């Protein structure tokens, strides 16, 4: 599992560790290959593992009266499920499902705890990362409370471009394929609203859409659409 060391070096959670520490923690991970549509864990289950994505896409979501609300999208180099490492017996707050065939590395709480005793710095970094994600959750709650649907859709597109954007000659490409329904689940609205707003942004030549991939042509113009 030494091949995982370069991946760990590019992940904020592990970046402050010395290379010898990374070499020490690498063997604690186990690799896991799964198909598209695989449920990795479900809301309410007791969590005992953290996941690190080598390749693929994973959505984190909850079901509200049978309606799916997507909380986050993770892809290559991202990690999730880290809350299970902090407390024994903690249940999952959401469900994780792959959106594409994925390869990931899994770290159990037992293995992490034994390593953490040697590297308290890692524990502090984990707490810092958890706080950042809690702040992001608070931002989402604010948006749901105070922003209209159109502004929430546009803000979600901008956030996705920050998280998954790749610079291209045409603009900033969101490198995750999303259907209108999947984008609606991220926003907490209906598909028809997403379709309407995307068409308006297309008509205003602010974005391009090709094969479910969105490219932001004029970021400042898109930001000005948030009211």
C-alpha atoms as a PDB file:
ATOM      1  CA  UNK A   1       0.000   0.000   0.000  1.00  0.00           C
ATOM      2  CA  UNK A   2       3.004   2.337  -0.276  1.00  0.00           C
ATOM      3  CA  UNK A   3       1.487   3.499  -3.573  1.00  0.00           C
ATOM      4  CA  UNK A   4      -1.093   5.427  -1.543  1.00  0.00           C
ATOM      5  CA  UNK A   5       1.563   7.742  -0.038  1.00  0.00           C
ATOM      6  CA  UNK A   6       1.613  10.243  -2.976  1.00  0.00           C
ATOM      7  CA  UNK A   7      -2.191  10.434  -2.777  1.00  0.00           C
ATOM      8  CA  UNK A   8      -2.065  11.124   0.973  1.00  0.00           C
ATOM      9  CA  UNK A   9       0.495  13.892   0.433  1.00  0.00           C
ATOM     10  CA  UNK A  10      -2.050  15.836  -1.650  1.00  0.00           C
ATOM     11  CA  UNK A  11      -4.907  15.545   0.851  1.00  0.00           C
ATOM     12  CA  UNK A  12      -5.239  18.392   3.402  1.00  0.00           C
ATOM     13  CA  UNK A  13      -5.980  15.966   6.233  1.00  0.00           C
ATOM     14  CA  UNK A  14      -2.570  14.303   5.840  1.00  0.00           C
ATOM     15  CA  UNK A  15      -0.429  17.065   4.322  1.00  0.00           C
ATOM     16  CA  UNK A  16       1.183  18.108   7.595  1.00  0.00           C
ATOM     17  CA  UNK A  17       2.415  14.595   8.371  1.00  0.00           C
ATOM     18  CA  UNK A  18       6.045  13.702   7.762  1.00  0.00           C
ATOM     19  CA  UNK A  19       6.738  11.208   4.994  1.00  0.00           C
ATOM     20  CA  UNK A  20       7.748   8.590   7.567  1.00  0.00           C
ATOM     21  CA  UNK A  21       4.325   9.019   9.223  1.00  0.00           C
ATOM     22  CA  UNK A  22       2.584   8.629   5.861  1.00  0.00           C
ATOM     23  CA  UNK A  23       4.550   5.467   5.183  1.00  0.00           C
ATOM     24  CA  UNK A  24       3.432   4.262   8.605  1.00  0.00           C
ATOM     25  CA  UNK A  25      -0.269   4.934   8.075  1.00  0.00           C
ATOM     26  CA  UNK A  26      -0.452   3.747   4.444  1.00  0.00           C
ATOM     27  CA  UNK A  27      -0.588   0.005   5.308  1.00  0.00           C
ATOM     28  CA  UNK A  28      -3.597   0.643   7.563  1.00  0.00           C
ATOM     29  CA  UNK A  29      -5.761   1.355   4.500  1.00  0.00           C
ATOM     30  CA  UNK A  30      -7.476  -1.416   2.556  1.00  0.00           C
ATOM     31  CA  UNK A  31      -8.457  -0.967  -1.076  1.00  0.00           C
ATOM     32  CA  UNK A  32     -12.034  -1.339  -2.281  1.00  0.00           C
ATOM     33  CA  UNK A  33     -13.385  -1.357  -5.850  1.00  0.00           C
ATOM     34  CA  UNK A  34     -17.121  -0.869  -6.321  1.00  0.00           C
ATOM     35  CA  UNK A  35     -19.598  -0.448  -9.169  1.00  0.00           C
ATOM     36  CA  UNK A  36     -21.767   2.566  -9.923  1.00  0.00           C
ATOM     37  CA  UNK A  37     -24.823   2.706  -7.667  1.00  0.00           C
ATOM     38  CA  UNK A  38     -23.178   0.898  -4.734  1.00  0.00           C
ATOM     39  CA  UNK A  39     -24.395   1.927  -1.271  1.00  0.00           C
ATOM     40  CA  UNK A  40     -21.270   2.259   0.880  1.00  0.00           C
ATOM     41  CA  UNK A  41     -23.191   2.968   4.061  1.00  0.00           C
ATOM     42  CA  UNK A  42     -26.676   4.100   5.029  1.00  0.00           C
ATOM     43  CA  UNK A  43     -27.984   6.804   7.331  1.00  0.00           C
ATOM     44  CA  UNK A  44     -28.429   5.439  10.838  1.00  0.00           C
ATOM     45  CA  UNK A  45     -25.786   2.730  10.583  1.00  0.00           C
ATOM     46  CA  UNK A  46     -22.961   2.652  13.095  1.00  0.00           C
ATOM     47  CA  UNK A  47     -19.874   4.061  11.381  1.00  0.00           C
ATOM     48  CA  UNK A  48     -16.500   2.406  11.785  1.00  0.00           C
ATOM     49  CA  UNK A  49     -14.646   3.472   8.623  1.00  0.00           C
ATOM     50  CA  UNK A  50     -13.406   6.513   6.718  1.00  0.00           C
ATOM     51  CA  UNK A  51     -13.204   6.410   2.911  1.00  0.00           C
ATOM     52  CA  UNK A  52     -10.588   7.975   0.650  1.00  0.00           C
ATOM     53  CA  UNK A  53     -11.426   8.156  -3.066  1.00  0.00           C
ATOM     54  CA  UNK A  54      -8.677   7.203  -5.492  1.00  0.00           C
ATOM     55  CA  UNK A  55     -10.986   7.454  -8.519  1.00  0.00           C
ATOM     56  CA  UNK A  56     -14.731   7.841  -8.973  1.00  0.00           C
ATOM     57  CA  UNK A  57     -17.592   9.967  -7.638  1.00  0.00           C
ATOM     58  CA  UNK A  58     -19.626   9.540  -4.438  1.00  0.00           C
ATOM     59  CA  UNK A  59     -22.748  11.414  -3.370  1.00  0.00           C
ATOM     60  CA  UNK A  60     -23.734  11.920   0.258  1.00  0.00           C
ATOM     61  CA  UNK A  61     -27.469  12.299   0.752  1.00  0.00           C
ATOM     62  CA  UNK A  62     -30.438  12.037   3.090  1.00  0.00           C
ATOM     63  CA  UNK A  63     -34.014  11.044   2.395  1.00  0.00           C
ATOM     64  CA  UNK A  64     -36.683  13.534   3.458  1.00  0.00           C
ATOM     65  CA  UNK A  65     -40.106  11.954   3.107  1.00  0.00           C
ATOM     66  CA  UNK A  66     -38.761   9.751   0.286  1.00  0.00           C
ATOM     67  CA  UNK A  67     -37.236  12.803  -1.442  1.00  0.00           C
ATOM     68  CA  UNK A  68     -33.484  12.697  -1.906  1.00  0.00           C
ATOM     69  CA  UNK A  69     -31.504  15.697  -0.679  1.00  0.00           C
ATOM     70  CA  UNK A  70     -27.853  15.583  -1.764  1.00  0.00           C
ATOM     71  CA  UNK A  71     -25.532  17.113   0.812  1.00  0.00           C
ATOM     72  CA  UNK A  72     -22.188  16.729  -0.962  1.00  0.00           C
ATOM     73  CA  UNK A  73     -20.344  15.264  -3.929  1.00  0.00           C
ATOM     74  CA  UNK A  74     -16.882  13.786  -3.496  1.00  0.00           C
ATOM     75  CA  UNK A  75     -14.406  12.630  -6.137  1.00  0.00           C
ATOM     76  CA  UNK A  76     -10.719  11.789  -6.693  1.00  0.00           C
ATOM     77  CA  UNK A  77      -8.631  12.781  -3.671  1.00  0.00           C
ATOM     78  CA  UNK A  78     -11.609  13.539  -1.408  1.00  0.00           C
ATOM     79  CA  UNK A  79     -12.417  11.693   1.796  1.00  0.00           C
ATOM     80  CA  UNK A  80     -15.655  11.179   3.736  1.00  0.00           C
ATOM     81  CA  UNK A  81     -17.032   9.296   6.713  1.00  0.00           C
ATOM     82  CA  UNK A  82     -14.385  10.847   8.949  1.00  0.00           C
ATOM     83  CA  UNK A  83     -16.836  11.514  11.791  1.00  0.00           C
ATOM     84  CA  UNK A  84     -16.852   7.774  12.531  1.00  0.00           C
ATOM     85  CA  UNK A  85     -13.187   8.042  13.520  1.00  0.00           C
ATOM     86  CA  UNK A  86     -13.898  10.543  16.278  1.00  0.00           C
ATOM     87  CA  UNK A  87     -16.332   8.605  18.453  1.00  0.00           C
ATOM     88  CA  UNK A  88     -17.022   4.933  19.031  1.00  0.00           C
ATOM     89  CA  UNK A  89     -20.564   3.891  18.127  1.00  0.00           C
ATOM     90  CA  UNK A  90     -21.434   7.088  16.239  1.00  0.00           C
ATOM     91  CA  UNK A  91     -24.147   6.530  13.628  1.00  0.00           C
ATOM     92  CA  UNK A  92     -23.967   7.772  10.055  1.00  0.00           C
ATOM     93  CA  UNK A  93     -25.819  11.044   9.516  1.00  0.00           C
ATOM     94  CA  UNK A  94     -26.355  10.360   5.796  1.00  0.00           C
ATOM     95  CA  UNK A  95     -26.092   7.722   3.078  1.00  0.00           C
ATOM     96  CA  UNK A  96     -23.110   7.356   0.708  1.00  0.00           C
ATOM     97  CA  UNK A  97     -23.587   6.007  -2.820  1.00  0.00           C
ATOM     98  CA  UNK A  98     -21.241   5.813  -5.798  1.00  0.00           C
ATOM     99  CA  UNK A  99     -22.228   7.746  -8.935  1.00  0.00           C
ATOM    100  CA  UNK A 100     -19.589   5.969 -11.029  1.00  0.00           C
ATOM    101  CA  UNK A 101     -17.379   2.911 -10.783  1.00  0.00           C
ATOM    102  CA  UNK A 102     -14.975   3.835  -7.996  1.00  0.00           C
ATOM    103  CA  UNK A 103     -11.742   2.768  -6.373  1.00  0.00           C
ATOM    104  CA  UNK A 104     -11.164   3.854  -2.800  1.00  0.00           C
ATOM    105  CA  UNK A 105      -9.099   3.208   0.269  1.00  0.00           C
ATOM    106  CA  UNK A 106     -10.765   2.435   3.590  1.00  0.00           C
ATOM    107  CA  UNK A 107      -9.402   3.217   7.051  1.00  0.00           C
ATOM    108  CA  UNK A 108     -11.035   1.574  10.078  1.00  0.00           C
ATOM    109  CA  UNK A 109     -11.510   3.381  13.359  1.00  0.00           C
ATOM    110  CA  UNK A 110      -9.495   0.720  15.211  1.00  0.00           C
ATOM    111  CA  UNK A 111      -6.487   1.169  12.919  1.00  0.00           C
ATOM    112  CA  UNK A 112      -6.783   4.964  13.017  1.00  0.00           C
ATOM    113  CA  UNK A 113      -6.974   5.082  16.819  1.00  0.00           C
ATOM    114  CA  UNK A 114      -3.780   3.066  17.209  1.00  0.00           C
ATOM    115  CA  UNK A 115      -1.932   5.365  14.809  1.00  0.00           C
ATOM    116  CA  UNK A 116      -3.388   8.553  16.304  1.00  0.00           C
ATOM    117  CA  UNK A 117      -1.706   7.799  19.633  1.00  0.00           C
ATOM    118  CA  UNK A 118       1.612   8.193  17.813  1.00  0.00           C
ATOM    119  CA  UNK A 119       0.545  11.278  15.847  1.00  0.00           C
ATOM    120  CA  UNK A 120      -1.766  13.648  17.773  1.00  0.00           C
ATOM    121  CA  UNK A 121      -1.157  16.183  14.985  1.00  0.00           C
ATOM    122  CA  UNK A 122      -3.406  14.064  12.746  1.00  0.00           C
ATOM    123  CA  UNK A 123      -6.218  14.229  15.306  1.00  0.00           C
ATOM    124  CA  UNK A 124      -6.023  18.035  15.393  1.00  0.00           C
ATOM    125  CA  UNK A 125      -6.115  18.191  11.594  1.00  0.00           C
ATOM    126  CA  UNK A 126      -9.149  15.909  11.551  1.00  0.00           C
ATOM    127  CA  UNK A 127     -10.965  18.197  13.992  1.00  0.00           C
ATOM    128  CA  UNK A 128     -10.045  21.227  11.867  1.00  0.00           C
ATOM    129  CA  UNK A 129     -11.420  19.562   8.735  1.00  0.00           C
ATOM    130  CA  UNK A 130     -14.603  18.562  10.540  1.00  0.00           C
ATOM    131  CA  UNK A 131     -15.159  22.156  11.653  1.00  0.00           C
ATOM    132  CA  UNK A 132     -14.729  23.386   8.063  1.00  0.00           C
ATOM    133  CA  UNK A 133     -17.393  20.964   6.891  1.00  0.00           C
ATOM    134  CA  UNK A 134     -19.722  22.034   9.682  1.00  0.00           C
ATOM    135  CA  UNK A 135     -19.322  25.656   8.575  1.00  0.00           C
ATOM    136  CA  UNK A 136     -20.177  24.591   5.041  1.00  0.00           C
ATOM    137  CA  UNK A 137     -23.308  22.865   6.369  1.00  0.00           C
ATOM    138  CA  UNK A 138     -24.277  26.089   8.135  1.00  0.00           C
ATOM    139  CA  UNK A 139     -23.871  27.975   4.843  1.00  0.00           C
ATOM    140  CA  UNK A 140     -26.224  25.501   3.172  1.00  0.00           C
ATOM    141  CA  UNK A 141     -28.810  26.008   5.911  1.00  0.00           C
ATOM    142  CA  UNK A 142     -28.532  29.775   5.473  1.00  0.00           C
ATOM    143  CA  UNK A 143     -29.041  29.468   1.711  1.00  0.00           C
ATOM    144  CA  UNK A 144     -32.112  27.265   2.151  1.00  0.00           C
ATOM    145  CA  UNK A 145     -33.566  29.752   4.625  1.00  0.00           C
ATOM    146  CA  UNK A 146     -32.848  33.102   2.997  1.00  0.00           C
ATOM    147  CA  UNK A 147     -32.177  32.607  -0.717  1.00  0.00           C
ATOM    148  CA  UNK A 148     -34.719  32.008  -3.455  1.00  0.00           C
ATOM    149  CA  UNK A 149     -34.564  28.908  -5.638  1.00  0.00           C
ATOM    150  CA  UNK A 150     -32.887  30.692  -8.563  1.00  0.00           C
ATOM    151  CA  UNK A 151     -30.103  32.100  -6.375  1.00  0.00           C
ATOM    152  CA  UNK A 152     -29.594  28.715  -4.680  1.00  0.00           C
ATOM    153  CA  UNK A 153     -29.208  26.988  -8.040  1.00  0.00           C
ATOM    154  CA  UNK A 154     -26.680  29.554  -9.236  1.00  0.00           C
ATOM    155  CA  UNK A 155     -24.763  29.471  -5.954  1.00  0.00           C
ATOM    156  CA  UNK A 156     -24.617  25.670  -6.125  1.00  0.00           C
ATOM    157  CA  UNK A 157     -23.180  25.840  -9.642  1.00  0.00           C
ATOM    158  CA  UNK A 158     -20.523  28.295  -8.442  1.00  0.00           C
ATOM    159  CA  UNK A 159     -19.685  26.088  -5.459  1.00  0.00           C
ATOM    160  CA  UNK A 160     -19.347  23.033  -7.703  1.00  0.00           C
ATOM    161  CA  UNK A 161     -17.012  25.010  -9.971  1.00  0.00           C
ATOM    162  CA  UNK A 162     -14.823  25.846  -6.957  1.00  0.00           C
ATOM    163  CA  UNK A 163     -14.720  22.230  -5.805  1.00  0.00           C
ATOM    164  CA  UNK A 164     -14.518  20.410  -9.137  1.00  0.00           C
ATOM    165  CA  UNK A 165     -13.587  23.106 -11.662  1.00  0.00           C
ATOM    166  CA  UNK A 166     -11.016  22.583 -14.418  1.00  0.00           C
ATOM    167  CA  UNK A 167      -9.797  25.483 -16.555  1.00  0.00           C
ATOM    168  CA  UNK A 168     -10.494  25.006 -20.278  1.00  0.00           C
ATOM    169  CA  UNK A 169     -10.300  27.323 -23.315  1.00  0.00           C
ATOM    170  CA  UNK A 170     -14.075  27.810 -23.053  1.00  0.00           C
ATOM    171  CA  UNK A 171     -14.143  28.573 -19.325  1.00  0.00           C
ATOM    172  CA  UNK A 172     -14.286  26.743 -15.996  1.00  0.00           C
ATOM    173  CA  UNK A 173     -15.572  23.200 -16.497  1.00  0.00           C
ATOM    174  CA  UNK A 174     -17.360  21.415 -13.625  1.00  0.00           C
ATOM    175  CA  UNK A 175     -15.793  17.986 -14.033  1.00  0.00           C
ATOM    176  CA  UNK A 176     -18.751  16.006 -12.696  1.00  0.00           C
ATOM    177  CA  UNK A 177     -21.599  14.842 -14.914  1.00  0.00           C
ATOM    178  CA  UNK A 178     -24.930  15.868 -13.388  1.00  0.00           C
ATOM    179  CA  UNK A 179     -28.478  15.407 -14.594  1.00  0.00           C
ATOM    180  CA  UNK A 180     -30.985  18.180 -13.906  1.00  0.00           C
ATOM    181  CA  UNK A 181     -32.521  15.959 -11.214  1.00  0.00           C
ATOM    182  CA  UNK A 182     -29.176  15.392  -9.497  1.00  0.00           C
ATOM    183  CA  UNK A 183     -28.522  19.134  -9.479  1.00  0.00           C
ATOM    184  CA  UNK A 184     -32.025  19.686  -8.093  1.00  0.00           C
ATOM    185  CA  UNK A 185     -31.250  17.225  -5.279  1.00  0.00           C
ATOM    186  CA  UNK A 186     -28.153  19.261  -4.421  1.00  0.00           C
ATOM    187  CA  UNK A 187     -30.151  22.480  -4.310  1.00  0.00           C
ATOM    188  CA  UNK A 188     -33.217  21.100  -2.560  1.00  0.00           C
ATOM    189  CA  UNK A 189     -35.701  21.928  -5.312  1.00  0.00           C
ATOM    190  CA  UNK A 190     -37.519  20.309  -8.226  1.00  0.00           C
ATOM    191  CA  UNK A 191     -36.033  19.386 -11.599  1.00  0.00           C
ATOM    192  CA  UNK A 192     -38.229  21.839 -13.499  1.00  0.00           C
ATOM    193  CA  UNK A 193     -36.732  24.795 -11.621  1.00  0.00           C
ATOM    194  CA  UNK A 194     -33.191  23.683 -12.449  1.00  0.00           C
ATOM    195  CA  UNK A 195     -34.058  23.217 -16.121  1.00  0.00           C
ATOM    196  CA  UNK A 196     -35.542  26.726 -16.275  1.00  0.00           C
ATOM    197  CA  UNK A 197     -32.559  28.438 -14.635  1.00  0.00           C
ATOM    198  CA  UNK A 198     -29.992  26.545 -16.693  1.00  0.00           C
ATOM    199  CA  UNK A 199     -31.808  27.510 -19.881  1.00  0.00           C
ATOM    200  CA  UNK A 200     -31.796  31.166 -18.806  1.00  0.00           C
ATOM    201  CA  UNK A 201     -28.049  31.002 -18.130  1.00  0.00           C
ATOM    202  CA  UNK A 202     -27.536  29.382 -21.528  1.00  0.00           C
ATOM    203  CA  UNK A 203     -29.619  32.064 -23.245  1.00  0.00           C
ATOM    204  CA  UNK A 204     -27.563  34.758 -21.511  1.00  0.00           C
ATOM    205  CA  UNK A 205     -24.360  33.002 -22.692  1.00  0.00           C
ATOM    206  CA  UNK A 206     -23.103  32.631 -19.142  1.00  0.00           C
ATOM    207  CA  UNK A 207     -22.647  28.841 -19.309  1.00  0.00           C
ATOM    208  CA  UNK A 208     -22.238  25.989 -21.767  1.00  0.00           C
ATOM    209  CA  UNK A 209     -23.667  22.482 -21.303  1.00  0.00           C
ATOM    210  CA  UNK A 210     -22.321  19.471 -23.182  1.00  0.00           C
ATOM    211  CA  UNK A 211     -23.043  15.846 -22.269  1.00  0.00           C
ATOM    212  CA  UNK A 212     -24.218  16.771 -18.748  1.00  0.00           C
ATOM    213  CA  UNK A 213     -21.056  18.818 -18.117  1.00  0.00           C
ATOM    214  CA  UNK A 214     -21.461  22.504 -17.253  1.00  0.00           C
ATOM    215  CA  UNK A 215     -18.833  25.090 -18.228  1.00  0.00           C
ATOM    216  CA  UNK A 216     -18.926  28.568 -16.672  1.00  0.00           C
ATOM    217  CA  UNK A 217     -18.085  31.128 -19.365  1.00  0.00           C
ATOM    218  CA  UNK A 218     -18.576  34.328 -17.381  1.00  0.00           C
ATOM    219  CA  UNK A 219     -18.131  33.784 -13.647  1.00  0.00           C
ATOM    220  CA  UNK A 220     -18.609  37.438 -12.696  1.00  0.00           C
ATOM    221  CA  UNK A 221     -21.815  37.569 -14.725  1.00  0.00           C
ATOM    222  CA  UNK A 222     -23.067  34.431 -12.985  1.00  0.00           C
ATOM    223  CA  UNK A 223     -22.218  35.824  -9.546  1.00  0.00           C
ATOM    224  CA  UNK A 224     -24.210  38.964 -10.381  1.00  0.00           C
ATOM    225  CA  UNK A 225     -27.287  36.756 -10.836  1.00  0.00           C
ATOM    226  CA  UNK A 226     -27.429  35.961  -7.095  1.00  0.00           C
ATOM    227  CA  UNK A 227     -29.942  38.192  -5.318  1.00  0.00           C
END
